Protein backbone atom coordinates (compact mmCIF):
# COMPACT_ATOMS: atom_id res chain seq x y z
CA MET A 1 0.00 0.00 0.00
CA PRO A 2 1.57 3.36 -1.03
CA GLN A 3 2.39 5.80 1.72
CA THR A 4 0.51 9.05 2.03
CA PRO A 5 2.46 12.34 1.85
CA GLN A 6 1.87 12.78 5.57
CA ALA A 7 3.30 9.33 6.32
CA ARG A 8 6.35 9.98 4.15
CA LYS A 9 6.89 13.32 5.92
CA HIS A 10 6.59 11.55 9.29
CA LEU A 11 9.15 8.93 8.21
CA ALA A 12 11.57 11.53 6.86
CA SER A 13 11.40 13.64 10.00
CA GLY A 14 11.97 10.56 12.16
CA MET A 15 15.03 9.54 10.15
CA LEU A 16 16.42 13.07 10.37
CA LEU A 17 15.87 13.22 14.13
CA ALA A 18 17.51 9.81 14.67
CA THR A 19 20.50 10.70 12.47
CA VAL A 20 21.15 14.08 14.07
CA GLY A 21 20.69 12.56 17.54
CA ALA A 22 23.23 9.80 16.85
CA ILE A 23 25.79 12.23 15.44
CA ALA A 24 25.30 14.75 18.27
CA PHE A 25 25.71 12.07 20.91
CA SER A 26 28.85 10.78 19.20
CA GLY A 27 30.39 14.24 19.43
CA LYS A 28 30.70 13.90 23.20
CA ALA A 29 33.95 11.96 22.97
CA ILE A 30 35.44 14.56 20.63
CA ILE A 31 34.60 17.43 22.99
CA VAL A 32 36.03 15.55 25.98
CA LYS A 33 39.29 14.88 24.13
CA LEU A 34 39.54 18.55 23.15
CA ALA A 35 38.99 19.62 26.77
CA TYR A 36 41.73 17.27 28.02
CA ARG A 37 44.22 19.25 25.93
CA HIS A 38 43.78 22.11 28.42
CA GLY A 39 45.00 20.13 31.44
CA VAL A 40 41.64 19.44 33.10
CA ASP A 41 40.94 16.10 34.83
CA ALA A 42 37.88 13.83 34.57
CA VAL A 43 36.35 14.84 37.93
CA THR A 44 36.41 18.54 37.07
CA LEU A 45 35.34 18.06 33.47
CA ILE A 46 32.31 15.93 34.26
CA MET A 47 31.33 18.36 37.03
CA TYR A 48 31.10 21.20 34.52
CA ARG A 49 29.19 19.07 32.04
CA MET A 50 26.60 18.08 34.64
CA LEU A 51 26.46 21.56 36.16
CA PHE A 52 25.40 23.02 32.81
CA ALA A 53 23.05 20.11 32.04
CA PHE A 54 21.37 20.16 35.46
CA PRO A 55 18.80 22.94 34.72
CA ILE A 56 17.84 21.24 31.45
CA PHE A 57 17.17 17.89 33.11
CA LEU A 58 15.29 19.52 35.99
CA LEU A 59 13.06 21.25 33.45
CA MET A 60 12.60 17.94 31.64
CA ALA A 61 11.61 16.20 34.87
CA TRP A 62 9.16 18.97 35.83
CA TRP A 63 7.56 19.11 32.39
CA SER A 64 7.05 15.34 32.16
CA SER A 65 5.69 15.14 35.74
CA ARG A 66 2.81 17.54 35.18
CA GLY A 67 -0.52 15.87 35.85
CA ARG A 68 1.14 12.55 36.67
CA PRO A 69 0.68 10.60 39.93
CA ALA A 70 3.11 11.32 42.76
CA LEU A 71 6.10 9.01 43.00
CA THR A 72 6.29 6.42 45.75
CA ARG A 73 9.26 5.71 48.00
CA ARG A 74 9.99 2.66 45.86
CA ASP A 75 10.01 4.85 42.75
CA TRP A 76 12.48 7.29 44.30
CA LEU A 77 14.80 4.46 45.36
CA GLY A 78 14.68 3.06 41.84
CA ILE A 79 15.41 6.47 40.34
CA LEU A 80 18.37 6.87 42.70
CA GLY A 81 19.81 3.49 41.72
CA LEU A 82 19.32 4.11 38.01
CA GLY A 83 20.82 7.60 38.29
CA VAL A 84 23.92 6.15 39.94
CA SER A 85 24.33 3.30 37.45
CA GLY A 86 23.10 4.71 34.17
CA TYR A 87 24.35 8.27 34.29
CA TYR A 88 26.80 8.88 37.14
CA LEU A 89 29.04 5.81 36.98
CA ALA A 90 28.63 5.33 33.25
CA SER A 91 29.53 8.96 32.54
CA TYR A 92 32.44 9.21 34.97
CA LEU A 93 34.05 5.93 33.87
CA ASP A 94 33.67 6.96 30.24
CA PHE A 95 35.29 10.37 30.84
CA ALA A 96 38.11 8.75 32.80
CA GLY A 97 38.73 6.17 30.08
CA LEU A 98 38.86 8.80 27.36
CA SER A 99 41.98 10.27 28.93
CA TYR A 100 43.84 7.09 27.87
CA ILE A 101 42.29 5.93 24.58
CA SER A 102 41.18 7.41 21.27
CA ALA A 103 37.64 8.60 20.64
CA SER A 104 37.32 5.93 17.93
CA LEU A 105 38.09 3.02 20.27
CA GLU A 106 35.83 4.50 22.97
CA ARG A 107 32.87 4.66 20.58
CA LEU A 108 33.42 1.11 19.34
CA ILE A 109 33.52 -0.25 22.90
CA LEU A 110 30.32 1.59 23.85
CA TYR A 111 28.63 0.44 20.67
CA VAL A 112 28.61 -3.19 21.82
CA ASN A 113 26.28 -2.19 24.66
CA PRO A 114 23.31 -4.24 23.30
CA THR A 115 25.40 -7.39 23.58
CA LEU A 116 26.20 -6.58 27.21
CA VAL A 117 22.50 -6.21 27.93
CA LEU A 118 21.97 -9.70 26.53
CA LEU A 119 24.88 -11.19 28.50
CA LEU A 120 23.71 -9.60 31.75
CA GLY A 121 20.21 -10.90 31.04
CA LEU A 122 21.74 -14.36 30.65
CA LEU A 123 23.57 -14.06 33.98
CA LEU A 124 20.79 -12.39 35.97
CA TYR A 125 17.66 -13.97 34.48
CA ARG A 126 19.01 -17.02 32.62
CA ARG A 127 17.66 -15.73 29.30
CA SER A 128 18.62 -17.73 26.24
CA VAL A 129 21.02 -16.56 23.54
CA ALA A 130 20.28 -17.40 19.91
CA ARG A 131 23.08 -18.66 17.69
CA ARG A 132 22.93 -15.59 15.42
CA GLN A 133 23.10 -13.35 18.47
CA ALA A 134 26.20 -15.21 19.66
CA LEU A 135 27.70 -14.89 16.16
CA GLY A 136 27.00 -11.15 16.14
CA MET A 137 28.67 -10.75 19.51
CA LEU A 138 31.77 -12.65 18.39
CA ILE A 139 32.09 -10.51 15.26
CA SER A 140 31.69 -7.26 17.24
CA TYR A 141 34.15 -8.20 19.97
CA ALA A 142 36.67 -9.30 17.34
CA GLY A 143 36.45 -5.80 15.84
CA VAL A 144 36.97 -4.12 19.21
CA LEU A 145 39.96 -6.37 19.98
CA LEU A 146 41.46 -5.61 16.56
CA VAL A 147 41.37 -1.83 17.14
CA PHE A 148 42.44 -2.28 20.77
CA GLY A 149 45.48 -4.37 19.84
CA HIS A 150 46.56 -1.84 17.23
CA GLU A 151 46.17 1.08 19.66
CA VAL A 152 48.14 -0.69 22.40
CA LYS A 153 51.09 -0.99 20.01
CA LEU A 154 50.90 2.74 19.25
CA ALA A 155 50.09 4.25 22.67
CA GLY A 156 51.31 1.73 25.25
CA ALA A 157 49.89 -0.07 28.27
CA ASN A 158 47.66 2.82 29.43
CA VAL A 159 45.32 1.94 26.57
CA ALA A 160 44.37 -1.21 28.49
CA LEU A 161 43.35 0.86 31.53
CA GLY A 162 41.33 3.23 29.38
CA ALA A 163 39.60 0.38 27.55
CA VAL A 164 38.68 -1.31 30.85
CA LEU A 165 37.22 1.94 32.22
CA VAL A 166 35.11 2.50 29.10
CA PHE A 167 34.01 -1.14 29.09
CA LEU A 168 32.91 -0.81 32.73
CA SER A 169 31.03 2.31 31.68
CA ALA A 170 29.18 0.24 29.08
CA VAL A 171 28.42 -2.44 31.69
CA SER A 172 27.06 0.20 34.07
CA TYR A 173 24.76 1.60 31.39
CA ALA A 174 23.66 -1.91 30.40
CA LEU A 175 22.55 -2.48 34.00
CA TYR A 176 20.56 0.73 33.78
CA LEU A 177 18.82 -0.50 30.62
CA ILE A 178 17.98 -3.85 32.18
CA TYR A 179 16.48 -2.46 35.38
CA SER A 180 14.81 0.60 33.84
CA GLY A 181 12.27 -1.35 31.78
CA GLU A 182 9.66 -1.71 34.52
CA MET A 183 10.04 1.88 35.70
CA VAL A 184 9.74 3.27 32.18
CA GLN A 185 6.36 1.58 31.86
CA ARG A 186 5.23 2.88 35.24
CA ILE A 187 6.41 6.50 35.29
CA GLY A 188 7.28 7.28 31.65
CA SER A 189 10.58 7.47 29.77
CA LEU A 190 11.00 11.25 29.71
CA ARG A 191 10.19 11.59 33.40
CA LEU A 192 12.60 8.79 34.32
CA VAL A 193 15.42 10.23 32.20
CA GLY A 194 14.91 13.72 33.64
CA LEU A 195 14.92 12.54 37.25
CA ALA A 196 17.70 9.95 36.93
CA THR A 197 20.01 12.36 35.14
CA SER A 198 19.26 15.03 37.76
CA VAL A 199 20.43 12.55 40.41
CA ALA A 200 23.62 11.99 38.42
CA CYS A 201 24.18 15.75 38.13
CA VAL A 202 24.01 16.14 41.91
CA LEU A 203 26.42 13.23 42.40
CA CYS A 204 28.97 14.56 39.89
CA ILE A 205 28.90 18.04 41.44
CA THR A 206 29.19 16.57 44.95
CA GLN A 207 32.09 14.37 43.82
CA PHE A 208 34.00 17.45 42.73
CA VAL A 209 33.29 19.30 46.00
CA VAL A 210 34.53 16.31 48.04
CA LEU A 211 37.58 15.34 45.97
CA ARG A 212 38.88 18.65 44.65
CA PRO A 213 39.70 22.06 46.16
CA TRP A 214 37.60 24.99 44.95
CA SER A 215 40.65 26.30 43.09
CA ALA A 216 40.36 23.31 40.73
CA ALA A 217 37.26 24.96 39.26
CA LEU A 218 39.52 27.63 37.75
CA VAL A 219 40.04 26.11 34.34
CA ALA A 220 40.93 27.47 30.92
CA PRO A 221 38.04 29.33 29.22
CA PRO A 222 37.84 26.76 26.37
CA VAL A 223 36.99 24.07 28.95
CA ILE A 224 33.94 26.08 30.05
CA TRP A 225 32.69 26.55 26.51
CA LEU A 226 33.37 22.94 25.57
CA SER A 227 31.52 21.74 28.68
CA LEU A 228 28.55 23.95 27.84
CA LEU A 229 28.52 22.52 24.33
CA ASN A 230 28.80 19.00 25.73
CA ALA A 231 25.90 19.55 28.15
CA THR A 232 23.56 20.92 25.50
CA LEU A 233 24.47 19.65 22.04
CA CYS A 234 25.88 16.24 23.06
CA THR A 235 23.85 15.39 26.18
CA ALA A 236 20.39 16.95 26.50
CA LEU A 237 19.63 17.45 22.79
CA PRO A 238 20.36 13.84 21.67
CA VAL A 239 18.12 12.47 24.44
CA LEU A 240 15.18 14.52 23.17
CA LEU A 241 15.90 13.87 19.48
CA VAL A 242 16.19 10.11 19.88
CA MET A 243 12.99 9.92 21.95
CA MET A 244 11.13 11.93 19.29
CA ALA A 245 12.56 9.63 16.61
CA ILE A 246 11.41 6.53 18.51
CA GLU A 247 7.88 7.93 18.61
CA ARG A 248 7.92 8.21 14.80
CA LEU A 249 9.92 5.14 13.77
CA GLY A 250 10.06 2.73 16.71
CA ALA A 251 13.08 1.65 18.75
CA SER A 252 14.21 -1.00 16.25
CA VAL A 253 14.59 1.39 13.31
CA VAL A 254 16.21 4.07 15.46
CA SER A 255 18.77 1.56 16.71
CA GLN A 256 19.67 0.76 13.11
CA VAL A 257 20.07 4.46 12.26
CA GLY A 258 22.30 4.73 15.35
CA MET A 259 24.91 2.69 13.48
CA ILE A 260 26.03 6.00 12.01
CA GLY A 261 27.36 6.90 15.48
CA PRO A 262 30.73 5.09 15.37
CA MET A 263 31.38 6.28 11.83
CA SER A 264 30.70 9.90 12.74
CA THR A 265 32.95 9.65 15.81
CA ILE A 266 35.81 8.21 13.78
CA LEU A 267 35.37 10.87 11.08
CA MET A 268 35.32 13.69 13.65
CA GLY A 269 38.30 12.14 15.42
CA VAL A 270 40.31 12.19 12.20
CA VAL A 271 39.25 15.69 11.09
CA ILE A 272 39.09 17.51 14.46
CA LEU A 273 41.51 15.60 16.70
CA GLY A 274 43.96 14.40 14.07
CA GLU A 275 43.59 10.78 15.16
CA PRO A 276 45.07 8.30 12.65
CA PHE A 277 42.68 6.37 10.44
CA THR A 278 44.37 3.12 9.54
CA LEU A 279 43.31 -0.10 7.89
CA TRP A 280 43.16 -1.63 11.38
CA VAL A 281 40.63 0.96 12.54
CA ALA A 282 38.63 0.59 9.34
CA ALA A 283 38.55 -3.20 9.60
CA GLY A 284 37.64 -3.12 13.28
CA THR A 285 34.83 -0.64 12.67
CA VAL A 286 33.38 -2.77 9.87
CA LEU A 287 33.47 -5.84 12.13
CA VAL A 288 31.80 -4.05 15.06
CA ILE A 289 29.01 -2.55 12.96
CA SER A 290 28.47 -5.81 11.05
CA GLY A 291 28.31 -7.77 14.28
CA ILE A 292 25.77 -5.44 15.84
CA PHE A 293 23.72 -5.56 12.63
CA VAL A 294 23.63 -9.37 12.75
CA PHE A 295 22.90 -9.26 16.49
CA SER A 296 20.06 -6.75 16.25
CA ARG A 297 18.35 -8.52 13.34
CA SER A 298 18.43 -11.77 15.28
CA ALA A 299 17.05 -10.02 18.39
CA ARG A 300 14.09 -8.69 16.39
């Protein structure tokens, strides 16, 4: 049955939203790497990112809570746990890992997140794994290991520490995805994201106050502007764009469009950061994206 002009317009807008959201989110690693060139550390950098994002997420939580039932004590405990796992730990570990590895390797590690969700589901709930899903995971992990091995030869042993930190970030976010399903159905996705990220903002700001002297907040002006850009363009905006895209296209299609993420990160890394683009990186990227494609089709 041919699509109506309205349906085609709806599809086109959804694809545009999903594409821009994936690219904007991928830019986070580039901005973090640029900020590290000014001598700032992960604790201070993530504090500024969350400080600037805090008002946006508070507004998001307030807007999505209008006319909704009040949250129970159980809801608040769940939001606290998800804020710690999905946004505080995941963000901090990712920022810390980026100080040791390239933006390209970081994005490839994070991109295998769907496979971690499946593996954690296997461990926690004894869910089965289809053969094609296992094949997709093997292909993706082979790609990550290929790029990792090449980067270790170029940059040394610290790459291993950075890769572990980013991998733990992916595990932390996978736990958030697993345990957020029930709460999303009960209180709504936008409300949950707004509240959980607000919790993470408070934790990141508190972490800085506890671990760093106030003088550490005196950073180079580019760090402030980069953090503001990170908080808006690469944090709050992608969340809204992807959610709007899911409403138009569905989560399955949006996840496929999200495959542009690693490619955009690698391209920005080469153009903006001057990171090398070698045959090893190209081959690893193809393997990771191919593996996730096989994995996601089997999951559907």
